[in-house]
Amino acid sequence: MDYSSIVALVFTIIPFINFLLAIVLIFFERKDIGTTWAWLMVIFFIPVLGFLIYVFFGRRLKQKNFYNMSVEEKEYLQSTVDRQIEGLDSGQFPQTLMKKYRDSIRMNVKSANALVTTNNEIKLFIDGHDKFYSLFEDIRNAQEEINIEYYIIQRDSLAKKLRDELTKKAKQGIKVRVLYDGFGSRKISPAFFKELIASGGEVGVFFPSFLRLINFRINNRNHRKLCIVDGKIAYIGGFNIGDEYLGLHEKIGYWRDTHFRISGGAVAHIQGRFILDWNQATKQVAGNLKQFSLPTETDDGDSIVQIVAGGPSSKTQHLKNMYIKLITSAEKEILIQSPYFIPDSSFMDACKIALLSGVDVRIMIPNKPDHPFVYWATWSYAGELISYGAKILLYEKGFLHAKTMIVDQEVATVGTTNIDNRSFELNFEVNATVYDEKVAANLRKSFLEDLKVCSELTLERYQQRSNIIKFKESISRLLSPIL
């Protein structure tokens, strides 16, 4: 067979192979239609290679009993959820905001097993130095157990300081567990924690890479950032572990993020989330779901909190539903901070309905791209909402990484969830949703302070963008379901 015949055969076979791959994608994966079209475009425009990209980035995760829960655990969790729903329906919780947002709370309990607790105290951090000073203090004061879970742990001075503090506690006989994501923390390995492990600490990797180079679950990352100390104190929010989160990265500059320190009943549910992730990643048993419990009587505080988690192991996009429900409940004001704003049509429609109803919607995004395609897709969606009356604020001081929404100065959600399909469907995420006017007021105050270092993306400014930017937006928007 001569060269021209081989070339002709290859070009005959490739379309057939692509057709078969497309059939697999459409009929077996059963993805969202927008996501399916985006992947079909990749497969057809990049033959064969496109499918290899899909193998690494697009495959669905198995959803059936992903966390390998026992029958006893499932029954316990379901009975606990049923009791709380019964309490909500019967008016067991008399707090004013519990009554006003009962439907939102009930949806989160019913859909996401996000039990509500009413006895929490919350401290807000918006600066990395303050957050890590407090975190290290709580670690030093630990008496029984420290559980840590982060998407990114860099191999730098902050990470080494954390490792050394944990090693000291392990040597004192304190139970220490560290769980990190295999892709987000690809610069480190268990060898980084050699002394910690030798001192009795345990280290787990969520979806580890093969030979540190190949990761078939690169598209499904554990994006959570949690620390639980003695089952009494928990940290949840946007800060990872690395020097850049202290503003020490020369290119990025100041790092603006949001994190909570929580004490009270919600800590048990954050601990439960860690236990599920740890057990799944390590195939060990750190505990069971009986560490989820109904609210207990303590004097920690009076903030009402739900810990809402979501990920590719769920059929329902719990976190997106939580956001949309809060948006549709807004009467006066919605304040959103997100480094990436690439919503789907349902989220966009909720924002448009709120705007048309007279709700003041302000969305703050960074004006410093760390992912070019994501940045231009963000501009595309933000620009569309401007015409409906939304105010789009561009954070200029450094990089805005906060994942925050505040509704009517009454309820707020803070956590690891970006406003994009990756957070809603592909990554493992978790948020603390707080029904407390004081907490909402503190977050709103921080938002207003951030306005001082923002510029506004007005309709006139948006319409004056160059044709090159318009082209970048168009391509990025086409790919937005899989970014």
Protein backbone atom coordinates (compact mmCIF):
# COMPACT_ATOMS: atom_id res chain seq x y z
CA MET A 1 0.00 0.00 0.00
CA ASP A 2 1.52 3.34 -1.02
CA TYR A 3 1.63 6.52 1.07
CA SER A 4 -1.38 8.18 -0.61
CA SER A 5 -3.51 5.09 0.00
CA ILE A 6 -2.56 5.05 3.68
CA VAL A 7 -3.46 8.74 4.02
CA ALA A 8 -6.79 8.15 2.27
CA LEU A 9 -7.54 5.20 4.58
CA VAL A 10 -6.72 7.22 7.68
CA PHE A 11 -8.99 10.07 6.61
CA THR A 12 -11.74 7.55 5.90
CA ILE A 13 -11.42 5.82 9.27
CA ILE A 14 -11.12 8.94 11.46
CA PRO A 15 -14.63 10.28 10.70
CA PHE A 16 -16.06 6.84 11.44
CA ILE A 17 -14.18 6.65 14.75
CA ASN A 18 -15.35 10.15 15.64
CA PHE A 19 -18.92 9.14 14.84
CA LEU A 20 -18.70 6.16 17.19
CA LEU A 21 -17.20 8.31 19.94
CA ALA A 22 -19.99 10.83 19.51
CA ILE A 23 -22.59 8.06 19.82
CA VAL A 24 -20.97 6.93 23.08
CA LEU A 25 -21.03 10.50 24.38
CA ILE A 26 -24.66 11.13 23.45
CA PHE A 27 -26.32 7.84 24.38
CA PHE A 28 -24.27 6.52 27.29
CA GLU A 29 -23.11 9.60 29.21
CA ARG A 30 -26.45 11.45 29.25
CA LYS A 31 -24.87 14.82 29.97
CA ASP A 32 -26.50 18.24 29.99
CA ILE A 33 -27.26 19.26 26.39
CA GLY A 34 -25.01 22.33 26.47
CA THR A 35 -22.13 20.24 27.80
CA THR A 36 -22.77 17.53 25.20
CA TRP A 37 -22.61 20.03 22.33
CA ALA A 38 -19.41 21.55 23.69
CA TRP A 39 -17.75 18.13 23.85
CA LEU A 40 -19.04 17.18 20.40
CA MET A 41 -17.42 20.33 19.04
CA VAL A 42 -14.10 19.35 20.62
CA ILE A 43 -14.34 15.78 19.26
CA PHE A 44 -15.21 16.82 15.71
CA PHE A 45 -12.81 19.75 15.41
CA ILE A 46 -9.90 17.85 16.99
CA PRO A 47 -10.34 14.29 15.67
CA VAL A 48 -9.11 11.42 17.89
CA LEU A 49 -7.10 13.82 20.07
CA GLY A 50 -10.39 15.40 21.06
CA PHE A 51 -11.63 12.09 22.42
CA LEU A 52 -8.39 11.59 24.37
CA ILE A 53 -9.03 15.00 25.91
CA TYR A 54 -12.54 13.81 26.72
CA VAL A 55 -11.20 10.66 28.43
CA PHE A 56 -9.16 12.81 30.81
CA PHE A 57 -11.54 15.74 31.22
CA GLY A 58 -15.06 14.69 30.35
CA ARG A 59 -15.99 11.27 31.70
CA ARG A 60 -18.76 11.05 34.23
CA LEU A 61 -18.08 9.83 37.73
CA LYS A 62 -20.03 6.86 39.03
CA GLN A 63 -22.83 8.14 41.22
CA LYS A 64 -24.18 5.00 42.83
CA ASN A 65 -22.94 4.83 46.43
CA PHE A 66 -19.74 6.71 45.59
CA TYR A 67 -18.95 7.06 49.29
CA ASN A 68 -19.56 3.36 50.02
CA MET A 69 -21.99 4.12 52.82
CA SER A 70 -23.30 1.13 54.73
CA VAL A 71 -26.99 0.33 54.91
CA GLU A 72 -26.94 1.37 58.55
CA GLU A 73 -25.39 4.74 57.70
CA LYS A 74 -27.89 5.40 54.92
CA GLU A 75 -30.81 4.56 57.18
CA TYR A 76 -29.44 6.72 59.99
CA LEU A 77 -28.91 9.70 57.69
CA GLN A 78 -32.36 9.34 56.11
CA SER A 79 -34.10 9.11 59.49
CA THR A 80 -32.21 12.21 60.68
CA VAL A 81 -33.24 14.12 57.56
CA ASP A 82 -36.86 13.00 57.93
CA ARG A 83 -36.97 14.16 61.56
CA GLN A 84 -35.64 17.57 60.64
CA ILE A 85 -38.08 18.03 57.76
CA GLU A 86 -40.90 17.10 60.12
CA GLY A 87 -39.62 19.73 62.54
CA LEU A 88 -39.47 22.38 59.81
CA ASP A 89 -42.97 21.57 58.60
CA SER A 90 -44.42 21.65 62.11
CA GLY A 91 -42.85 25.00 63.03
CA GLN A 92 -40.35 23.55 65.50
CA PHE A 93 -37.89 26.33 64.69
CA PRO A 94 -39.44 29.68 65.75
CA GLN A 95 -36.61 31.98 64.63
CA THR A 96 -37.79 34.76 62.28
CA LEU A 97 -35.30 34.00 59.50
CA MET A 98 -36.02 30.28 59.80
CA LYS A 99 -39.65 31.05 59.04
CA LYS A 100 -38.87 33.45 56.21
CA TYR A 101 -36.41 31.12 54.48
CA ARG A 102 -38.09 27.87 55.46
CA ASP A 103 -38.52 26.81 51.83
CA SER A 104 -34.82 27.32 51.06
CA ILE A 105 -33.77 25.53 54.23
CA ARG A 106 -36.17 22.67 53.58
CA MET A 107 -34.94 22.24 50.01
CA ASN A 108 -31.33 21.98 51.19
CA VAL A 109 -32.25 19.44 53.86
CA LYS A 110 -34.40 17.34 51.54
CA SER A 111 -32.13 17.43 48.48
CA ALA A 112 -28.61 17.71 49.88
CA ASN A 113 -28.99 16.26 53.42
CA ALA A 114 -27.85 19.69 54.62
CA LEU A 115 -29.10 19.60 58.21
CA VAL A 116 -29.74 22.99 59.78
CA THR A 117 -28.19 24.03 63.10
CA THR A 118 -29.16 27.09 65.13
CA ASN A 119 -26.41 27.39 67.72
CA ASN A 120 -23.33 28.61 65.87
CA GLU A 121 -20.80 31.36 66.33
CA ILE A 122 -19.05 32.66 63.22
CA LYS A 123 -15.90 34.68 62.75
CA LEU A 124 -15.19 36.20 59.35
CA PHE A 125 -11.77 36.37 57.67
CA ILE A 126 -11.06 38.30 54.47
CA ASP A 127 -7.27 38.46 54.75
CA GLY A 128 -4.91 35.49 54.58
CA HIS A 129 -2.63 36.63 57.39
CA ASP A 130 -5.54 36.86 59.82
CA LYS A 131 -7.02 33.54 58.74
CA PHE A 132 -3.81 31.54 59.03
CA TYR A 133 -2.82 33.18 62.33
CA SER A 134 -6.13 32.02 63.80
CA LEU A 135 -5.88 28.58 62.17
CA PHE A 136 -2.39 27.93 63.56
CA GLU A 137 -3.48 29.07 67.02
CA ASP A 138 -6.36 26.60 67.01
CA ILE A 139 -4.06 23.83 65.77
CA ARG A 140 -1.58 24.54 68.58
CA ASN A 141 -4.41 24.37 71.12
CA ALA A 142 -5.84 21.10 69.81
CA GLN A 143 -6.42 18.45 72.47
CA GLU A 144 -7.75 15.44 70.58
CA GLU A 145 -7.95 15.58 66.79
CA ILE A 146 -7.12 17.70 63.74
CA ASN A 147 -8.64 16.98 60.32
CA ILE A 148 -7.48 19.01 57.32
CA GLU A 149 -8.73 18.93 53.72
CA TYR A 150 -7.48 21.31 51.01
CA TYR A 151 -7.60 21.43 47.24
CA ILE A 152 -4.18 23.08 47.01
CA ILE A 153 -1.25 22.63 49.36
CA GLN A 154 1.80 24.21 47.81
CA ARG A 155 5.37 23.21 48.49
CA ASP A 156 6.34 26.53 50.07
CA SER A 157 6.95 28.23 53.40
CA LEU A 158 3.30 28.37 54.53
CA ALA A 159 2.75 24.69 53.72
CA LYS A 160 5.95 23.74 55.54
CA LYS A 161 4.87 25.73 58.57
CA LEU A 162 1.51 23.92 58.57
CA ARG A 163 3.24 20.55 58.19
CA ASP A 164 5.62 21.31 61.07
CA GLU A 165 2.80 22.44 63.38
CA LEU A 166 0.84 19.29 62.60
CA THR A 167 3.91 17.15 63.19
CA LYS A 168 4.35 18.69 66.65
CA LYS A 169 0.75 17.83 67.52
CA ALA A 170 1.12 14.28 66.21
CA LYS A 171 4.16 13.81 68.43
CA GLN A 172 1.99 14.88 71.37
CA GLY A 173 -0.42 12.04 70.58
CA ILE A 174 -3.05 14.19 68.84
CA LYS A 175 -4.82 12.42 65.95
CA VAL A 176 -3.85 14.25 62.74
CA ARG A 177 -5.26 13.59 59.27
CA VAL A 178 -4.41 15.52 56.10
CA LEU A 179 -6.33 15.05 52.86
CA TYR A 180 -5.32 16.88 49.69
CA ASP A 181 -6.36 16.75 46.05
CA GLY A 182 -4.10 14.79 43.74
CA PHE A 183 -4.22 17.38 40.96
CA GLY A 184 -4.57 20.66 42.85
CA SER A 185 -1.67 19.69 45.13
CA ARG A 186 0.41 18.02 42.42
CA LYS A 187 3.59 19.77 43.58
CA ILE A 188 3.66 17.69 46.74
CA SER A 189 3.47 13.98 47.59
CA PRO A 190 3.12 11.97 50.81
CA ALA A 191 6.93 12.24 51.06
CA PHE A 192 6.42 15.94 51.87
CA PHE A 193 4.74 14.76 55.09
CA LYS A 194 7.35 12.09 55.89
CA GLU A 195 8.03 13.27 59.44
CA LEU A 196 4.33 13.80 60.14
CA ILE A 197 3.56 10.23 59.06
CA ALA A 198 6.49 8.89 61.09
CA SER A 199 5.04 10.74 64.10
CA GLY A 200 1.68 8.99 63.75
CA GLY A 201 -0.10 11.41 61.43
CA GLU A 202 -2.06 10.15 58.43
CA VAL A 203 -2.07 11.56 54.89
CA GLY A 204 -4.57 10.80 52.12
CA VAL A 205 -4.76 11.82 48.46
CA PHE A 206 -8.08 12.40 46.71
CA PHE A 207 -7.97 10.91 43.18
CA PRO A 208 -4.17 10.54 43.08
CA SER A 209 -2.23 10.73 39.82
CA PHE A 210 -0.62 7.73 38.19
CA LEU A 211 3.18 8.09 38.36
CA ARG A 212 2.49 11.74 39.33
CA LEU A 213 1.96 12.52 35.62
CA ILE A 214 -1.31 10.95 34.52
CA ASN A 215 -4.63 11.61 36.22
CA PHE A 216 -7.78 10.12 34.72
CA ARG A 217 -9.92 12.16 37.12
CA ILE A 218 -8.38 15.53 36.37
CA ASN A 219 -11.86 16.88 35.62
CA ASN A 220 -13.34 15.90 39.00
CA ARG A 221 -11.39 17.60 41.71
CA ASN A 222 -11.92 17.90 45.44
CA HIS A 223 -12.08 21.70 45.64
CA ARG A 224 -13.00 21.83 49.33
CA LYS A 225 -11.00 23.73 51.97
CA LEU A 226 -11.75 22.50 55.48
CA CYS A 227 -10.10 22.22 58.86
CA ILE A 228 -11.79 20.74 61.92
CA VAL A 229 -10.16 20.90 65.35
CA ASP A 230 -11.36 18.65 68.18
CA GLY A 231 -14.79 18.45 66.56
CA LYS A 232 -15.50 21.88 68.06
CA ILE A 233 -14.02 24.41 65.62
CA ALA A 234 -14.17 24.35 61.83
CA TYR A 235 -12.78 26.50 59.03
CA ILE A 236 -14.50 26.71 55.66
CA GLY A 237 -14.04 29.06 52.72
CA GLY A 238 -11.83 29.98 49.80
CA PHE A 239 -8.25 30.07 51.13
CA ASN A 240 -5.95 27.20 50.13
CA ILE A 241 -2.50 26.59 51.64
CA GLY A 242 0.23 28.57 49.88
CA ASP A 243 2.24 31.76 50.03
CA GLU A 244 0.13 33.39 47.31
CA TYR A 245 -2.83 33.34 49.71
CA LEU A 246 -0.80 35.68 51.91
CA GLY A 247 -0.34 38.04 48.96
CA LEU A 248 3.27 36.98 48.44
CA HIS A 249 2.98 36.03 44.76
CA GLU A 250 4.64 38.83 42.77
CA LYS A 251 2.43 38.43 39.68
CA ILE A 252 -0.89 37.99 41.49
CA GLY A 253 -0.37 40.56 44.24
CA TYR A 254 -2.90 41.00 47.03
CA TRP A 255 -5.18 37.99 47.52
CA ARG A 256 -8.75 38.82 48.52
CA ASP A 257 -10.71 35.84 49.83
CA THR A 258 -13.40 34.95 52.35
CA HIS A 259 -13.31 32.28 55.05
CA PHE A 260 -15.38 31.38 58.12
CA ARG A 261 -14.34 30.05 61.51
CA ILE A 262 -17.35 28.25 62.96
CA SER A 263 -18.06 26.82 66.39
CA GLY A 264 -21.34 25.17 67.28
CA GLY A 265 -23.60 22.49 65.83
CA ALA A 266 -22.53 22.99 62.20
CA VAL A 267 -19.04 21.70 63.03
CA ALA A 268 -20.37 18.14 63.27
CA HIS A 269 -21.65 18.38 59.71
CA ILE A 270 -18.36 19.78 58.41
CA GLN A 271 -16.63 16.94 60.24
CA GLY A 272 -19.04 14.50 58.61
CA ARG A 273 -18.17 15.87 55.19
CA PHE A 274 -14.48 15.35 55.90
CA ILE A 275 -15.12 11.78 57.11
CA LEU A 276 -16.93 10.88 53.88
CA ASP A 277 -14.11 12.29 51.75
CA TRP A 278 -11.41 10.68 53.87
CA ASN A 279 -13.05 7.25 53.88
CA GLN A 280 -13.54 7.37 50.11
CA ALA A 281 -10.01 8.54 49.32
CA THR A 282 -8.08 6.31 51.71
CA LYS A 283 -10.45 3.31 51.87
CA GLN A 284 -10.06 3.58 55.63
CA VAL A 285 -12.73 4.32 58.22
CA ALA A 286 -12.23 7.53 60.19
CA GLY A 287 -15.78 7.54 61.47
CA ASN A 288 -19.37 7.14 60.33
CA LEU A 289 -22.39 9.26 59.63
CA LYS A 290 -23.57 9.17 63.22
CA GLN A 291 -21.34 12.21 63.57
CA PHE A 292 -24.11 13.98 61.69
CA SER A 293 -26.67 14.94 64.31
CA LEU A 294 -29.67 17.13 64.92
CA PRO A 295 -29.00 20.48 66.62
CA THR A 296 -27.81 20.20 70.20
CA GLU A 297 -28.20 22.72 72.99
CA THR A 298 -24.94 24.65 73.38
CA ASP A 299 -24.09 28.26 74.11
CA ASP A 300 -21.72 28.73 71.14
CA GLY A 301 -23.93 31.31 69.43
CA ASP A 302 -27.22 31.88 67.64
CA SER A 303 -26.28 31.84 63.94
CA ILE A 304 -28.39 29.50 61.81
CA VAL A 305 -26.14 27.47 59.47
CA GLN A 306 -26.49 24.79 56.81
CA ILE A 307 -23.46 23.02 55.33
CA VAL A 308 -24.40 22.36 51.71
CA ALA A 309 -22.13 20.07 49.69
CA GLY A 310 -22.24 19.02 46.07
CA GLY A 311 -20.24 17.20 43.45
CA PRO A 312 -20.22 14.78 40.53
CA SER A 313 -21.28 11.95 42.84
CA SER A 314 -24.74 13.56 43.06
CA LYS A 315 -27.44 13.50 40.40
CA THR A 316 -28.71 16.90 41.55
CA GLN A 317 -26.68 20.12 41.45
CA HIS A 318 -27.33 20.98 45.09
CA LEU A 319 -25.19 24.11 45.23
CA LYS A 320 -26.60 25.64 42.06
CA ASN A 321 -30.11 25.00 43.34
CA MET A 322 -29.23 26.65 46.64
CA TYR A 323 -27.95 29.77 44.85
CA ILE A 324 -30.96 29.99 42.54
CA LYS A 325 -33.44 29.52 45.39
CA LEU A 326 -31.83 32.38 47.34
CA ILE A 327 -31.74 34.60 44.25
CA THR A 328 -35.43 34.05 43.57
CA SER A 329 -36.24 34.80 47.22
CA ALA A 330 -34.49 38.19 47.13
CA GLU A 331 -36.67 41.28 47.56
CA LYS A 332 -34.12 44.10 47.65
CA GLU A 333 -30.48 43.23 47.06
CA ILE A 334 -28.14 40.49 45.86
CA LEU A 335 -24.37 40.91 46.25
CA ILE A 336 -22.15 38.31 44.56
CA GLN A 337 -18.38 37.87 44.61
CA SER A 338 -16.85 35.16 42.44
CA PRO A 339 -13.52 34.81 40.61
CA TYR A 340 -15.32 33.00 37.79
CA PHE A 341 -18.82 33.87 36.62
CA ILE A 342 -19.87 31.36 33.94
CA PRO A 343 -23.46 30.46 34.86
CA ASP A 344 -25.79 28.22 32.92
CA SER A 345 -29.12 29.38 31.50
CA SER A 346 -31.09 28.59 34.68
CA PHE A 347 -28.79 30.72 36.83
CA MET A 348 -28.83 33.53 34.27
CA ASP A 349 -32.63 33.43 34.11
CA ALA A 350 -32.85 33.67 37.91
CA CYS A 351 -30.61 36.77 37.86
CA LYS A 352 -32.62 38.33 35.02
CA ILE A 353 -35.91 37.71 36.83
CA ALA A 354 -34.50 39.33 39.98
CA LEU A 355 -33.29 42.35 38.00
CA LEU A 356 -36.60 42.75 36.16
CA SER A 357 -38.35 42.57 39.55
CA GLY A 358 -36.38 45.58 40.78
CA VAL A 359 -33.77 43.77 42.86
CA ASP A 360 -30.37 45.50 43.07
CA VAL A 361 -27.91 42.92 41.72
CA ARG A 362 -24.20 43.66 42.03
CA ILE A 363 -21.59 41.15 40.87
CA MET A 364 -17.90 41.59 41.68
CA ILE A 365 -15.29 39.74 39.62
CA PRO A 366 -11.49 40.09 39.36
CA ASN A 367 -10.00 42.24 36.63
CA LYS A 368 -6.92 40.03 36.59
CA PRO A 369 -7.28 36.80 34.59
CA ASP A 370 -5.62 33.65 35.91
CA HIS A 371 -7.34 31.47 33.28
CA PRO A 372 -7.79 33.36 29.96
CA PHE A 373 -10.70 31.32 28.55
CA VAL A 374 -12.53 31.54 31.88
CA TYR A 375 -11.88 35.28 32.10
CA TRP A 376 -13.36 36.07 28.69
CA ALA A 377 -16.32 33.76 29.25
CA THR A 378 -16.94 35.65 32.50
CA TRP A 379 -16.97 38.94 30.60
CA SER A 380 -19.48 37.53 28.15
CA TYR A 381 -22.02 36.56 30.81
CA ALA A 382 -21.42 39.65 32.93
CA GLY A 383 -21.91 41.84 29.87
CA GLU A 384 -25.24 40.21 29.12
CA LEU A 385 -26.56 41.01 32.60
CA ILE A 386 -25.55 44.67 32.35
CA SER A 387 -28.30 45.25 29.82
CA TYR A 388 -30.82 44.02 32.42
CA GLY A 389 -29.54 46.48 35.02
CA ALA A 390 -26.89 44.50 36.90
CA LYS A 391 -23.86 46.38 38.18
CA ILE A 392 -20.63 44.57 37.30
CA LEU A 393 -17.65 45.55 39.48
CA LEU A 394 -14.08 44.77 38.46
CA TYR A 395 -11.77 44.21 41.44
CA GLU A 396 -8.49 46.01 40.73
CA LYS A 397 -6.39 45.66 43.89
CA GLY A 398 -5.14 42.12 43.25
CA PHE A 399 -6.98 38.85 42.70
CA LEU A 400 -10.51 38.37 44.02
CA HIS A 401 -11.00 34.72 44.97
CA ALA A 402 -13.96 35.09 47.38
CA LYS A 403 -17.01 32.92 46.74
CA THR A 404 -19.76 34.88 48.48
CA MET A 405 -23.40 35.81 48.03
CA ILE A 406 -25.44 38.04 50.35
CA VAL A 407 -29.22 38.38 49.99
CA ASP A 408 -31.26 41.22 51.51
CA GLN A 409 -28.70 41.70 54.30
CA GLU A 410 -30.20 38.60 55.97
CA VAL A 411 -28.70 35.44 54.51
CA ALA A 412 -25.28 34.71 53.04
CA THR A 413 -23.38 31.78 51.63
CA VAL A 414 -19.60 31.41 51.76
CA GLY A 415 -17.50 28.47 50.67
CA THR A 416 -15.56 26.94 47.81
CA THR A 417 -18.18 27.21 45.05
CA ASN A 418 -17.57 29.36 41.99
CA ILE A 419 -20.44 30.43 39.74
CA ASP A 420 -19.67 27.99 36.95
CA ASN A 421 -20.46 24.51 35.70
CA ARG A 422 -17.20 23.16 37.10
CA SER A 423 -18.23 23.97 40.66
CA PHE A 424 -21.89 23.10 40.18
CA GLU A 425 -21.38 19.72 38.51
CA LEU A 426 -17.75 18.60 38.12
CA ASN A 427 -15.91 19.42 41.36
CA PHE A 428 -16.54 18.41 44.95
CA GLU A 429 -17.54 21.65 46.71
CA VAL A 430 -19.01 22.80 50.01
CA ASN A 431 -20.59 26.04 51.31
CA ALA A 432 -21.77 27.34 54.65
CA THR A 433 -25.12 29.08 54.22
CA VAL A 434 -25.85 31.39 57.14
CA TYR A 435 -29.21 32.90 58.08
CA ASP A 436 -28.03 35.70 60.35
CA GLU A 437 -28.38 39.46 59.87
CA LYS A 438 -25.17 40.21 61.78
CA VAL A 439 -23.06 37.88 59.65
CA ALA A 440 -24.71 39.17 56.48
CA ALA A 441 -24.05 42.75 57.60
CA ASN A 442 -20.34 42.03 58.17
CA LEU A 443 -20.03 40.43 54.75
CA ARG A 444 -21.90 43.33 53.16
CA LYS A 445 -19.59 45.81 54.89
CA SER A 446 -16.58 43.98 53.40
CA PHE A 447 -18.24 44.06 49.97
CA LEU A 448 -18.75 47.83 50.22
CA GLU A 449 -15.11 48.28 51.27
CA ASP A 450 -14.04 46.30 48.22
CA LEU A 451 -16.02 48.72 46.04
CA LYS A 452 -13.38 51.34 46.81
CA VAL A 453 -10.83 49.37 44.77
CA CYS A 454 -13.18 48.43 41.94
CA SER A 455 -14.00 49.94 38.59
CA GLU A 456 -17.41 49.44 36.98
CA LEU A 457 -17.92 47.58 33.74
CA THR A 458 -20.59 49.88 32.34
CA LEU A 459 -22.67 49.13 29.26
CA GLU A 460 -20.78 51.81 27.34
CA ARG A 461 -17.41 50.38 28.38
CA TYR A 462 -18.52 46.87 27.48
CA GLN A 463 -19.79 47.90 24.05
CA GLN A 464 -16.46 49.58 23.26
CA ARG A 465 -14.45 46.37 23.61
CA SER A 466 -12.38 45.44 20.57
CA ASN A 467 -13.27 42.86 17.95
CA ILE A 468 -10.46 40.65 19.25
CA ILE A 469 -12.05 40.61 22.70
CA LYS A 470 -15.45 39.88 21.15
CA PHE A 471 -13.90 36.91 19.33
CA LYS A 472 -12.29 35.64 22.54
CA GLU A 473 -15.64 35.94 24.33
CA SER A 474 -17.46 34.02 21.59
CA ILE A 475 -15.01 31.11 21.62
CA SER A 476 -14.88 31.01 25.42
CA ARG A 477 -18.66 31.07 25.69
CA LEU A 478 -18.97 28.11 23.33
CA LEU A 479 -16.63 26.17 25.59
CA SER A 480 -18.12 27.47 28.85
CA PRO A 481 -19.99 24.24 29.76
CA ILE A 482 -16.67 22.39 30.00
CA LEU A 483 -14.34 25.13 31.28
